[in-house]
Amino acid sequence: MPIISENINDVSIILADIKRATVINAEDFKNIVQFELNDGNTKFIFDLKTCEFIDSTFLAAIVTSYKRIVENKGQLKIVGFKPAVRSMFELTSLSKIFDIYDNEQKALMSFK
């Protein structure tokens, strides 16, 4: 499965283990985040380290998931940007909204 979920302590890490994050994977991504929320998880890391490209539908899935997390009084950190993905977040100004970290360890340490 290209979208993988694992838990470290009380943090749900959602890995998009795909080179091209597109409409094909967007619904699975949202469903996994919703499953984790339904399970009571409120701390999330989205790991995009293998993504070389993100289309607008997958980007919308990230934003929708973020809204759901916030509605549940949760927190989200994003890690693992490759240059093209970072550019997409900067062009859309989403880099100003999300907490972005260089790696998973730094993101894990940032949770309160």
PDB file of N, CA and C in Angstrom:
ATOM      1  N   MET A   1       0.847  -1.188   0.000  1.00  0.00           N
ATOM      2  CA  MET A   1       0.000   0.000   0.000  1.00  0.00           C
ATOM      3  C   MET A   1       0.887   1.244   0.000  1.00  0.00           C
ATOM      4  N   PRO A   2       0.602   2.192  -0.853  1.00  0.00           N
ATOM      5  CA  PRO A   2       1.461   3.365  -0.964  1.00  0.00           C
ATOM      6  C   PRO A   2       1.321   4.377   0.176  1.00  0.00           C
ATOM      7  N   ILE A   3       0.236   4.329   0.939  1.00  0.00           N
ATOM      8  CA  ILE A   3       0.067   5.199   2.089  1.00  0.00           C
ATOM      9  C   ILE A   3       0.157   4.321   3.327  1.00  0.00           C
ATOM     10  N   ILE A   4       1.156   4.582   4.156  1.00  0.00           N
ATOM     11  CA  ILE A   4       1.452   3.722   5.304  1.00  0.00           C
ATOM     12  C   ILE A   4       1.300   4.528   6.585  1.00  0.00           C
ATOM     13  N   SER A   5       0.673   3.913   7.568  1.00  0.00           N
ATOM     14  CA  SER A   5       0.482   4.565   8.857  1.00  0.00           C
ATOM     15  C   SER A   5       1.208   3.761   9.933  1.00  0.00           C
ATOM     16  N   GLU A   6       1.927   4.471  10.795  1.00  0.00           N
ATOM     17  CA  GLU A   6       2.558   3.833  11.946  1.00  0.00           C
ATOM     18  C   GLU A   6       2.468   4.797  13.121  1.00  0.00           C
ATOM     19  N   ASN A   7       2.542   4.261  14.302  1.00  0.00           N
ATOM     20  CA  ASN A   7       2.477   5.087  15.500  1.00  0.00           C
ATOM     21  C   ASN A   7       3.763   4.958  16.291  1.00  0.00           C
ATOM     22  N   ILE A   8       4.293   6.108  16.669  1.00  0.00           N
ATOM     23  CA  ILE A   8       5.454   6.164  17.552  1.00  0.00           C
ATOM     24  C   ILE A   8       5.009   6.967  18.761  1.00  0.00           C
ATOM     25  N   ASN A   9       5.026   6.310  19.916  1.00  0.00           N
ATOM     26  CA  ASN A   9       4.475   6.883  21.140  1.00  0.00           C
ATOM     27  C   ASN A   9       3.021   7.244  20.865  1.00  0.00           C
ATOM     28  N   ASP A  10       2.652   8.493  20.953  1.00  0.00           N
ATOM     29  CA  ASP A  10       1.264   8.886  20.684  1.00  0.00           C
ATOM     30  C   ASP A  10       1.141   9.714  19.406  1.00  0.00           C
ATOM     31  N   VAL A  11       2.080   9.532  18.481  1.00  0.00           N
ATOM     32  CA  VAL A  11       2.087  10.285  17.226  1.00  0.00           C
ATOM     33  C   VAL A  11       1.823   9.328  16.054  1.00  0.00           C
ATOM     34  N   SER A  12       0.840   9.697  15.220  1.00  0.00           N
ATOM     35  CA  SER A  12       0.551   8.932  14.006  1.00  0.00           C
ATOM     36  C   SER A  12       1.390   9.496  12.868  1.00  0.00           C
ATOM     37  N   ILE A  13       2.200   8.638  12.291  1.00  0.00           N
ATOM     38  CA  ILE A  13       3.042   9.042  11.169  1.00  0.00           C
ATOM     39  C   ILE A  13       2.436   8.438   9.909  1.00  0.00           C
ATOM     40  N   ILE A  14       2.070   9.313   8.990  1.00  0.00           N
ATOM     41  CA  ILE A  14       1.472   8.882   7.727  1.00  0.00           C
ATOM     42  C   ILE A  14       2.516   9.103   6.633  1.00  0.00           C
ATOM     43  N   LEU A  15       3.004   8.008   6.082  1.00  0.00           N
ATOM     44  CA  LEU A  15       4.028   8.061   5.039  1.00  0.00           C
ATOM     45  C   LEU A  15       3.367   7.883   3.675  1.00  0.00           C
ATOM     46  N   ALA A  16       3.541   8.871   2.822  1.00  0.00           N
ATOM     47  CA  ALA A  16       3.111   8.744   1.430  1.00  0.00           C
ATOM     48  C   ALA A  16       4.286   8.137   0.673  1.00  0.00           C
ATOM     49  N   ASP A  17       4.310   6.824   0.592  1.00  0.00           N
ATOM     50  CA  ASP A  17       5.434   6.093   0.010  1.00  0.00           C
ATOM     51  C   ASP A  17       5.252   5.951  -1.501  1.00  0.00           C
ATOM     52  N   ILE A  18       5.209   7.104  -2.163  1.00  0.00           N
ATOM     53  CA  ILE A  18       4.974   7.163  -3.605  1.00  0.00           C
ATOM     54  C   ILE A  18       5.786   8.312  -4.197  1.00  0.00           C
ATOM     55  N   LYS A  19       6.211   8.132  -5.439  1.00  0.00           N
ATOM     56  CA  LYS A  19       6.968   9.204  -6.098  1.00  0.00           C
ATOM     57  C   LYS A  19       6.041  10.307  -6.580  1.00  0.00           C
ATOM     58  N   ARG A  20       4.868   9.921  -7.094  1.00  0.00           N
ATOM     59  CA  ARG A  20       3.896  10.894  -7.604  1.00  0.00           C
ATOM     60  C   ARG A  20       2.619  10.793  -6.779  1.00  0.00           C
ATOM     61  N   ALA A  21       2.404  11.772  -5.911  1.00  0.00           N
ATOM     62  CA  ALA A  21       1.211  11.814  -5.071  1.00  0.00           C
ATOM     63  C   ALA A  21       0.115  12.525  -5.859  1.00  0.00           C
ATOM     64  N   THR A  22      -0.852  11.753  -6.323  1.00  0.00           N
ATOM     65  CA  THR A  22      -1.870  12.296  -7.220  1.00  0.00           C
ATOM     66  C   THR A  22      -3.272  11.905  -6.762  1.00  0.00           C
ATOM     67  N   VAL A  23      -4.236  12.248  -7.592  1.00  0.00           N
ATOM     68  CA  VAL A  23      -5.641  11.923  -7.341  1.00  0.00           C
ATOM     69  C   VAL A  23      -5.817  10.427  -7.060  1.00  0.00           C
ATOM     70  N   ILE A  24      -4.963   9.606  -7.624  1.00  0.00           N
ATOM     71  CA  ILE A  24      -5.054   8.152  -7.446  1.00  0.00           C
ATOM     72  C   ILE A  24      -4.925   7.766  -5.965  1.00  0.00           C
ATOM     73  N   ASN A  25      -4.109   8.497  -5.208  1.00  0.00           N
ATOM     74  CA  ASN A  25      -3.846   8.155  -3.811  1.00  0.00           C
ATOM     75  C   ASN A  25      -4.513   9.089  -2.808  1.00  0.00           C
ATOM     76  N   ALA A  26      -5.116  10.168  -3.276  1.00  0.00           N
ATOM     77  CA  ALA A  26      -5.632  11.199  -2.375  1.00  0.00           C
ATOM     78  C   ALA A  26      -6.720  10.671  -1.438  1.00  0.00           C
ATOM     79  N   GLU A  27      -7.638   9.894  -1.962  1.00  0.00           N
ATOM     80  CA  GLU A  27      -8.742   9.393  -1.126  1.00  0.00           C
ATOM     81  C   GLU A  27      -8.235   8.425  -0.063  1.00  0.00           C
ATOM     82  N   ASP A  28      -7.306   7.552  -0.431  1.00  0.00           N
ATOM     83  CA  ASP A  28      -6.703   6.634   0.558  1.00  0.00           C
ATOM     84  C   ASP A  28      -6.018   7.422   1.670  1.00  0.00           C
ATOM     85  N   PHE A  29      -5.322   8.469   1.300  1.00  0.00           N
ATOM     86  CA  PHE A  29      -4.631   9.305   2.268  1.00  0.00           C
ATOM     87  C   PHE A  29      -5.618   9.884   3.278  1.00  0.00           C
ATOM     88  N   LYS A  30      -6.694  10.507   2.763  1.00  0.00           N
ATOM     89  CA  LYS A  30      -7.703  11.096   3.649  1.00  0.00           C
ATOM     90  C   LYS A  30      -8.355  10.034   4.534  1.00  0.00           C
ATOM     91  N   ASN A  31      -8.627   8.868   3.972  1.00  0.00           N
ATOM     92  CA  ASN A  31      -9.268   7.790   4.747  1.00  0.00           C
ATOM     93  C   ASN A  31      -8.388   7.299   5.884  1.00  0.00           C
ATOM     94  N   ILE A  32      -7.089   7.191   5.637  1.00  0.00           N
ATOM     95  CA  ILE A  32      -6.176   6.739   6.685  1.00  0.00           C
ATOM     96  C   ILE A  32      -6.100   7.772   7.800  1.00  0.00           C
ATOM     97  N   VAL A  33      -6.033   9.046   7.442  1.00  0.00           N
ATOM     98  CA  VAL A  33      -6.019  10.089   8.470  1.00  0.00           C
ATOM     99  C   VAL A  33      -7.316  10.042   9.273  1.00  0.00           C
ATOM    100  N   GLN A  34      -8.454   9.891   8.603  1.00  0.00           N
ATOM    101  CA  GLN A  34      -9.735   9.830   9.307  1.00  0.00           C
ATOM    102  C   GLN A  34      -9.802   8.613  10.227  1.00  0.00           C
ATOM    103  N   PHE A  35      -9.284   7.474   9.780  1.00  0.00           N
ATOM    104  CA  PHE A  35      -9.243   6.280  10.618  1.00  0.00           C
ATOM    105  C   PHE A  35      -8.448   6.548  11.897  1.00  0.00           C
ATOM    106  N   GLU A  36      -7.294   7.195  11.752  1.00  0.00           N
ATOM    107  CA  GLU A  36      -6.462   7.507  12.913  1.00  0.00           C
ATOM    108  C   GLU A  36      -7.178   8.482  13.853  1.00  0.00           C
ATOM    109  N   LEU A  37      -7.874   9.471  13.293  1.00  0.00           N
ATOM    110  CA  LEU A  37      -8.651  10.400  14.123  1.00  0.00           C
ATOM    111  C   LEU A  37      -9.768   9.663  14.862  1.00  0.00           C
ATOM    112  N   ASN A  38     -10.460   8.772  14.160  1.00  0.00           N
ATOM    113  CA  ASN A  38     -11.531   7.993  14.784  1.00  0.00           C
ATOM    114  C   ASN A  38     -11.007   7.109  15.906  1.00  0.00           C
ATOM    115  N   ASP A  39      -9.734   6.742  15.782  1.00  0.00           N
ATOM    116  CA  ASP A  39      -9.091   5.909  16.795  1.00  0.00           C
ATOM    117  C   ASP A  39      -8.592   6.737  17.985  1.00  0.00           C
ATOM    118  N   GLY A  40      -8.805   8.044  17.939  1.00  0.00           N
ATOM    119  CA  GLY A  40      -8.451   8.921  19.047  1.00  0.00           C
ATOM    120  C   GLY A  40      -7.104   9.606  18.932  1.00  0.00           C
ATOM    121  N   ASN A  41      -6.427   9.410  17.820  1.00  0.00           N
ATOM    122  CA  ASN A  41      -5.122  10.047  17.638  1.00  0.00           C
ATOM    123  C   ASN A  41      -5.293  11.516  17.252  1.00  0.00           C
ATOM    124  N   THR A  42      -4.464  12.377  17.831  1.00  0.00           N
ATOM    125  CA  THR A  42      -4.554  13.810  17.542  1.00  0.00           C
ATOM    126  C   THR A  42      -3.214  14.431  17.160  1.00  0.00           C
ATOM    127  N   LYS A  43      -2.145  13.671  17.220  1.00  0.00           N
ATOM    128  CA  LYS A  43      -0.827  14.174  16.829  1.00  0.00           C
ATOM    129  C   LYS A  43      -0.398  13.442  15.564  1.00  0.00           C
ATOM    130  N   PHE A  44      -0.073  14.229  14.534  1.00  0.00           N
ATOM    131  CA  PHE A  44       0.229  13.653  13.229  1.00  0.00           C
ATOM    132  C   PHE A  44       1.511  14.215  12.639  1.00  0.00           C
ATOM    133  N   ILE A  45       2.212  13.341  11.928  1.00  0.00           N
ATOM    134  CA  ILE A  45       3.307  13.740  11.050  1.00  0.00           C
ATOM    135  C   ILE A  45       2.970  13.172   9.674  1.00  0.00           C
ATOM    136  N   PHE A  46       2.959  14.039   8.666  1.00  0.00           N
ATOM    137  CA  PHE A  46       2.850  13.583   7.287  1.00  0.00           C
ATOM    138  C   PHE A  46       4.256  13.562   6.720  1.00  0.00           C
ATOM    139  N   ASP A  47       4.713  12.378   6.332  1.00  0.00           N
ATOM    140  CA  ASP A  47       6.062  12.199   5.804  1.00  0.00           C
ATOM    141  C   ASP A  47       5.995  12.075   4.286  1.00  0.00           C
ATOM    142  N   LEU A  48       6.559  13.051   3.612  1.00  0.00           N
ATOM    143  CA  LEU A  48       6.510  13.106   2.152  1.00  0.00           C
ATOM    144  C   LEU A  48       7.877  12.868   1.513  1.00  0.00           C
ATOM    145  N   LYS A  49       8.770  12.207   2.239  1.00  0.00           N
ATOM    146  CA  LYS A  49      10.157  12.092   1.776  1.00  0.00           C
ATOM    147  C   LYS A  49      10.334  11.352   0.458  1.00  0.00           C
ATOM    148  N   THR A  50       9.416  10.486   0.088  1.00  0.00           N
ATOM    149  CA  THR A  50       9.571   9.777  -1.184  1.00  0.00           C
ATOM    150  C   THR A  50       8.836  10.462  -2.335  1.00  0.00           C
ATOM    151  N   CYS A  51       8.049  11.489  -2.028  1.00  0.00           N
ATOM    152  CA  CYS A  51       7.273  12.193  -3.066  1.00  0.00           C
ATOM    153  C   CYS A  51       8.159  13.164  -3.843  1.00  0.00           C
ATOM    154  N   GLU A  52       8.166  12.990  -5.143  1.00  0.00           N
ATOM    155  CA  GLU A  52       8.882  13.910  -6.022  1.00  0.00           C
ATOM    156  C   GLU A  52       7.923  14.896  -6.681  1.00  0.00           C
ATOM    157  N   PHE A  53       6.621  14.577  -6.615  1.00  0.00           N
ATOM    158  CA  PHE A  53       5.596  15.407  -7.239  1.00  0.00           C
ATOM    159  C   PHE A  53       4.305  15.271  -6.454  1.00  0.00           C
ATOM    160  N   ILE A  54       3.600  16.386  -6.285  1.00  0.00           N
ATOM    161  CA  ILE A  54       2.281  16.369  -5.651  1.00  0.00           C
ATOM    162  C   ILE A  54       1.343  17.173  -6.543  1.00  0.00           C
ATOM    163  N   ASP A  55       0.215  16.552  -6.915  1.00  0.00           N
ATOM    164  CA  ASP A  55      -0.743  17.305  -7.721  1.00  0.00           C
ATOM    165  C   ASP A  55      -1.729  18.049  -6.814  1.00  0.00           C
ATOM    166  N   SER A  56      -2.581  18.858  -7.421  1.00  0.00           N
ATOM    167  CA  SER A  56      -3.484  19.703  -6.641  1.00  0.00           C
ATOM    168  C   SER A  56      -4.504  18.887  -5.847  1.00  0.00           C
ATOM    169  N   THR A  57      -4.898  17.737  -6.350  1.00  0.00           N
ATOM    170  CA  THR A  57      -5.863  16.906  -5.628  1.00  0.00           C
ATOM    171  C   THR A  57      -5.235  16.337  -4.359  1.00  0.00           C
ATOM    172  N   PHE A  58      -4.006  15.890  -4.441  1.00  0.00           N
ATOM    173  CA  PHE A  58      -3.344  15.359  -3.251  1.00  0.00           C
ATOM    174  C   PHE A  58      -3.051  16.490  -2.267  1.00  0.00           C
ATOM    175  N   LEU A  59      -2.701  17.641  -2.778  1.00  0.00           N
ATOM    176  CA  LEU A  59      -2.490  18.808  -1.926  1.00  0.00           C
ATOM    177  C   LEU A  59      -3.791  19.159  -1.191  1.00  0.00           C
ATOM    178  N   ALA A  60      -4.902  19.094  -1.893  1.00  0.00           N
ATOM    179  CA  ALA A  60      -6.201  19.338  -1.269  1.00  0.00           C
ATOM    180  C   ALA A  60      -6.493  18.290  -0.201  1.00  0.00           C
ATOM    181  N   ALA A  61      -6.073  17.048  -0.418  1.00  0.00           N
ATOM    182  CA  ALA A  61      -6.264  15.996   0.582  1.00  0.00           C
ATOM    183  C   ALA A  61      -5.476  16.313   1.856  1.00  0.00           C
ATOM    184  N   ILE A  62      -4.292  16.875   1.696  1.00  0.00           N
ATOM    185  CA  ILE A  62      -3.487  17.276   2.857  1.00  0.00           C
ATOM    186  C   ILE A  62      -4.190  18.399   3.618  1.00  0.00           C
ATOM    187  N   VAL A  63      -4.704  19.385   2.879  1.00  0.00           N
ATOM    188  CA  VAL A  63      -5.391  20.514   3.510  1.00  0.00           C
ATOM    189  C   VAL A  63      -6.662  20.040   4.220  1.00  0.00           C
ATOM    190  N   THR A  64      -7.451  19.196   3.570  1.00  0.00           N
ATOM    191  CA  THR A  64      -8.670  18.654   4.181  1.00  0.00           C
ATOM    192  C   THR A  64      -8.338  17.877   5.444  1.00  0.00           C
ATOM    193  N   SER A  65      -7.301  17.072   5.385  1.00  0.00           N
ATOM    194  CA  SER A  65      -6.875  16.300   6.557  1.00  0.00           C
ATOM    195  C   SER A  65      -6.434  17.214   7.686  1.00  0.00           C
ATOM    196  N   TYR A  66      -5.713  18.271   7.333  1.00  0.00           N
ATOM    197  CA  TYR A  66      -5.283  19.255   8.327  1.00  0.00           C
ATOM    198  C   TYR A  66      -6.495  19.871   9.028  1.00  0.00           C
ATOM    199  N   LYS A  67      -7.510  20.243   8.260  1.00  0.00           N
ATOM    200  CA  LYS A  67      -8.716  20.828   8.847  1.00  0.00           C
ATOM    201  C   LYS A  67      -9.372  19.857   9.816  1.00  0.00           C
ATOM    202  N   ARG A  68      -9.451  18.592   9.434  1.00  0.00           N
ATOM    203  CA  ARG A  68     -10.051  17.579  10.319  1.00  0.00           C
ATOM    204  C   ARG A  68      -9.232  17.411  11.599  1.00  0.00           C
ATOM    205  N   ILE A  69      -7.928  17.437  11.453  1.00  0.00           N
ATOM    206  CA  ILE A  69      -7.056  17.308  12.625  1.00  0.00           C
ATOM    207  C   ILE A  69      -7.278  18.484  13.575  1.00  0.00           C
ATOM    208  N   VAL A  70      -7.317  19.689  13.041  1.00  0.00           N
ATOM    209  CA  VAL A  70      -7.523  20.886  13.858  1.00  0.00           C
ATOM    210  C   VAL A  70      -8.905  20.859  14.522  1.00  0.00           C
ATOM    211  N   GLU A  71      -9.924  20.415  13.789  1.00  0.00           N
ATOM    212  CA  GLU A  71     -11.271  20.303  14.357  1.00  0.00           C
ATOM    213  C   GLU A  71     -11.294  19.364  15.564  1.00  0.00           C
ATOM    214  N   ASN A  72     -10.389  18.402  15.565  1.00  0.00           N
ATOM    215  CA  ASN A  72     -10.280  17.448  16.672  1.00  0.00           C
ATOM    216  C   ASN A  72      -9.228  17.876  17.691  1.00  0.00           C
ATOM    217  N   LYS A  73      -8.876  19.170  17.638  1.00  0.00           N
ATOM    218  CA  LYS A  73      -7.898  19.759  18.557  1.00  0.00           C
ATOM    219  C   LYS A  73      -6.536  19.071  18.475  1.00  0.00           C
ATOM    220  N   GLY A  74      -6.180  18.681  17.259  1.00  0.00           N
ATOM    221  CA  GLY A  74      -4.925  17.995  17.048  1.00  0.00           C
ATOM    222  C   GLY A  74      -3.851  18.892  16.466  1.00  0.00           C
ATOM    223  N   GLN A  75      -2.694  18.281  16.222  1.00  0.00           N
ATOM    224  CA  GLN A  75      -1.531  18.979  15.677  1.00  0.00           C
ATOM    225  C   GLN A  75      -0.992  18.192  14.485  1.00  0.00           C
ATOM    226  N   LEU A  76      -0.442  18.931  13.533  1.00  0.00           N
ATOM    227  CA  LEU A  76       0.142  18.322  12.343  1.00  0.00           C
ATOM    228  C   LEU A  76       1.507  18.924  12.061  1.00  0.00           C
ATOM    229  N   LYS A  77       2.447  18.068  11.765  1.00  0.00           N
ATOM    230  CA  LYS A  77       3.780  18.459  11.296  1.00  0.00           C
ATOM    231  C   LYS A  77       3.999  17.758   9.954  1.00  0.00           C
ATOM    232  N   ILE A  78       4.707  18.402   9.047  1.00  0.00           N
ATOM    233  CA  ILE A  78       5.021  17.793   7.752  1.00  0.00           C
ATOM    234  C   ILE A  78       6.530  17.732   7.598  1.00  0.00           C
ATOM    235  N   VAL A  79       7.019  16.603   7.095  1.00  0.00           N
ATOM    236  CA  VAL A  79       8.467  16.407   6.920  1.00  0.00           C
ATOM    237  C   VAL A  79       8.767  15.832   5.540  1.00  0.00           C
ATOM    238  N   GLY A  80      10.027  15.965   5.155  1.00  0.00           N
ATOM    239  CA  GLY A  80      10.559  15.242   4.013  1.00  0.00           C
ATOM    240  C   GLY A  80      10.329  15.851   2.656  1.00  0.00           C
ATOM    241  N   PHE A  81      10.394  17.161   2.544  1.00  0.00           N
ATOM    242  CA  PHE A  81      10.168  17.787   1.251  1.00  0.00           C
ATOM    243  C   PHE A  81      11.343  17.614   0.305  1.00  0.00           C
ATOM    244  N   LYS A  82      11.052  17.148  -0.893  1.00  0.00           N
ATOM    245  CA  LYS A  82      12.007  17.230  -1.998  1.00  0.00           C
ATOM    246  C   LYS A  82      11.793  18.602  -2.652  1.00  0.00           C
ATOM    247  N   PRO A  83      12.748  19.088  -3.445  1.00  0.00           N
ATOM    248  CA  PRO A  83      12.650  20.452  -3.982  1.00  0.00           C
ATOM    249  C   PRO A  83      11.341  20.778  -4.705  1.00  0.00           C
ATOM    250  N   ALA A  84      10.849  19.901  -5.560  1.00  0.00           N
ATOM    251  CA  ALA A  84       9.617  20.196  -6.308  1.00  0.00           C
ATOM    252  C   ALA A  84       8.409  20.277  -5.389  1.00  0.00           C
ATOM    253  N   VAL A  85       8.391  19.443  -4.372  1.00  0.00           N
ATOM    254  CA  VAL A  85       7.278  19.452  -3.422  1.00  0.00           C
ATOM    255  C   VAL A  85       7.349  20.711  -2.559  1.00  0.00           C
ATOM    256  N   ARG A  86       8.535  21.061  -2.117  1.00  0.00           N
ATOM    257  CA  ARG A  86       8.703  22.302  -1.344  1.00  0.00           C
ATOM    258  C   ARG A  86       8.235  23.497  -2.169  1.00  0.00           C
ATOM    259  N   SER A  87       8.582  23.523  -3.438  1.00  0.00           N
ATOM    260  CA  SER A  87       8.162  24.619  -4.317  1.00  0.00           C
ATOM    261  C   SER A  87       6.643  24.707  -4.403  1.00  0.00           C
ATOM    262  N   MET A  88       5.978  23.571  -4.489  1.00  0.00           N
ATOM    263  CA  MET A  88       4.516  23.556  -4.554  1.00  0.00           C
ATOM    264  C   MET A  88       3.909  24.166  -3.287  1.00  0.00           C
ATOM    265  N   PHE A  89       4.461  23.823  -2.126  1.00  0.00           N
ATOM    266  CA  PHE A  89       3.973  24.372  -0.865  1.00  0.00           C
ATOM    267  C   PHE A  89       4.268  25.875  -0.774  1.00  0.00           C
ATOM    268  N   GLU A  90       5.412  26.300  -1.298  1.00  0.00           N
ATOM    269  CA  GLU A  90       5.752  27.722  -1.259  1.00  0.00           C
ATOM    270  C   GLU A  90       4.899  28.523  -2.245  1.00  0.00           C
ATOM    271  N   LEU A  91       4.682  28.001  -3.450  1.00  0.00           N
ATOM    272  CA  LEU A  91       3.871  28.699  -4.450  1.00  0.00           C
ATOM    273  C   LEU A  91       2.426  28.876  -3.995  1.00  0.00           C
ATOM    274  N   THR A  92       1.911  27.921  -3.259  1.00  0.00           N
ATOM    275  CA  THR A  92       0.529  27.986  -2.777  1.00  0.00           C
ATOM    276  C   THR A  92       0.430  28.663  -1.412  1.00  0.00           C
ATOM    277  N   SER A  93       1.559  29.084  -0.879  1.00  0.00           N
ATOM    278  CA  SER A  93       1.655  29.709   0.456  1.00  0.00           C
ATOM    279  C   SER A  93       1.276  28.770   1.593  1.00  0.00           C
ATOM    280  N   LEU A  94       1.179  27.489   1.323  1.00  0.00           N
ATOM    281  CA  LEU A  94       0.879  26.524   2.381  1.00  0.00           C
ATOM    282  C   LEU A  94       2.054  26.354   3.338  1.00  0.00           C
ATOM    283  N   SER A  95       3.227  26.736   2.881  1.00  0.00           N
ATOM    284  CA  SER A  95       4.401  26.643   3.759  1.00  0.00           C
ATOM    285  C   SER A  95       4.278  27.605   4.939  1.00  0.00           C
ATOM    286  N   LYS A  96       3.392  28.597   4.828  1.00  0.00           N
ATOM    287  CA  LYS A  96       3.159  29.537   5.928  1.00  0.00           C
ATOM    288  C   LYS A  96       2.146  28.998   6.933  1.00  0.00           C
ATOM    289  N   ILE A  97       1.363  28.014   6.528  1.00  0.00           N
ATOM    290  CA  ILE A  97       0.302  27.463   7.370  1.00  0.00           C
ATOM    291  C   ILE A  97       0.787  26.248   8.161  1.00  0.00           C
ATOM    292  N   PHE A  98       1.537  25.390   7.509  1.00  0.00           N
ATOM    293  CA  PHE A  98       1.945  24.129   8.123  1.00  0.00           C
ATOM    294  C   PHE A  98       3.254  24.261   8.892  1.00  0.00           C
ATOM    295  N   ASP A  99       3.386  23.433   9.928  1.00  0.00           N
ATOM    296  CA  ASP A  99       4.657  23.289  10.638  1.00  0.00           C
ATOM    297  C   ASP A  99       5.491  22.292   9.845  1.00  0.00           C
ATOM    298  N   ILE A 100       6.591  22.771   9.274  1.00  0.00           N
ATOM    299  CA  ILE A 100       7.421  21.956   8.389  1.00  0.00           C
ATOM    300  C   ILE A 100       8.773  21.725   9.048  1.00  0.00           C
ATOM    301  N   TYR A 101       9.212  20.467   9.023  1.00  0.00           N
ATOM    302  CA  TYR A 101      10.483  20.083   9.641  1.00  0.00           C
ATOM    303  C   TYR A 101      11.335  19.327   8.636  1.00  0.00           C
ATOM    304  N   ASP A 102      12.636  19.367   8.859  1.00  0.00           N
ATOM    305  CA  ASP A 102      13.565  18.681   7.960  1.00  0.00           C
ATOM    306  C   ASP A 102      13.465  17.169   8.049  1.00  0.00           C
ATOM    307  N   ASN A 103      13.173  16.670   9.262  1.00  0.00           N
ATOM    308  CA  ASN A 103      13.122  15.222   9.423  1.00  0.00           C
ATOM    309  C   ASN A 103      12.128  14.824  10.513  1.00  0.00           C
ATOM    310  N   GLU A 104      11.851  13.556  10.542  1.00  0.00           N
ATOM    311  CA  GLU A 104      10.861  13.006  11.473  1.00  0.00           C
ATOM    312  C   GLU A 104      11.264  13.207  12.930  1.00  0.00           C
ATOM    313  N   GLN A 105      12.528  13.052  13.229  1.00  0.00           N
ATOM    314  CA  GLN A 105      12.992  13.191  14.611  1.00  0.00           C
ATOM    315  C   GLN A 105      12.732  14.593  15.157  1.00  0.00           C
ATOM    316  N   LYS A 106      13.034  15.609  14.360  1.00  0.00           N
ATOM    317  CA  LYS A 106      12.784  16.989  14.801  1.00  0.00           C
ATOM    318  C   LYS A 106      11.297  17.237  14.985  1.00  0.00           C
ATOM    319  N   ALA A 107      10.492  16.685  14.099  1.00  0.00           N
ATOM    320  CA  ALA A 107       9.039  16.849  14.208  1.00  0.00           C
ATOM    321  C   ALA A 107       8.515  16.156  15.473  1.00  0.00           C
ATOM    322  N   LEU A 108       9.003  14.965  15.742  1.00  0.00           N
ATOM    323  CA  LEU A 108       8.573  14.233  16.946  1.00  0.00           C
ATOM    324  C   LEU A 108       8.913  15.025  18.209  1.00  0.00           C
ATOM    325  N   MET A 109      10.091  15.617  18.238  1.00  0.00           N
ATOM    326  CA  MET A 109      10.523  16.369  19.418  1.00  0.00           C
ATOM    327  C   MET A 109       9.728  17.661  19.581  1.00  0.00           C
ATOM    328  N   SER A 110       9.073  18.146  18.545  1.00  0.00           N
ATOM    329  CA  SER A 110       8.365  19.417  18.622  1.00  0.00           C
ATOM    330  C   SER A 110       6.981  19.309  19.260  1.00  0.00           C
ATOM    331  N   PHE A 111       6.467  18.096  19.389  1.00  0.00           N
ATOM    332  CA  PHE A 111       5.152  17.943  20.004  1.00  0.00           C
ATOM    333  C   PHE A 111       5.202  18.239  21.479  1.00  0.00           C
ATOM    334  N   LYS A 112       4.159  18.872  21.975  1.00  0.00           N
ATOM    335  CA  LYS A 112       4.073  19.237  23.396  1.00  0.00           C
ATOM    336  C   LYS A 112       3.394  18.166  24.188  1.00  0.00           C
TER     337      LYS A 112
END
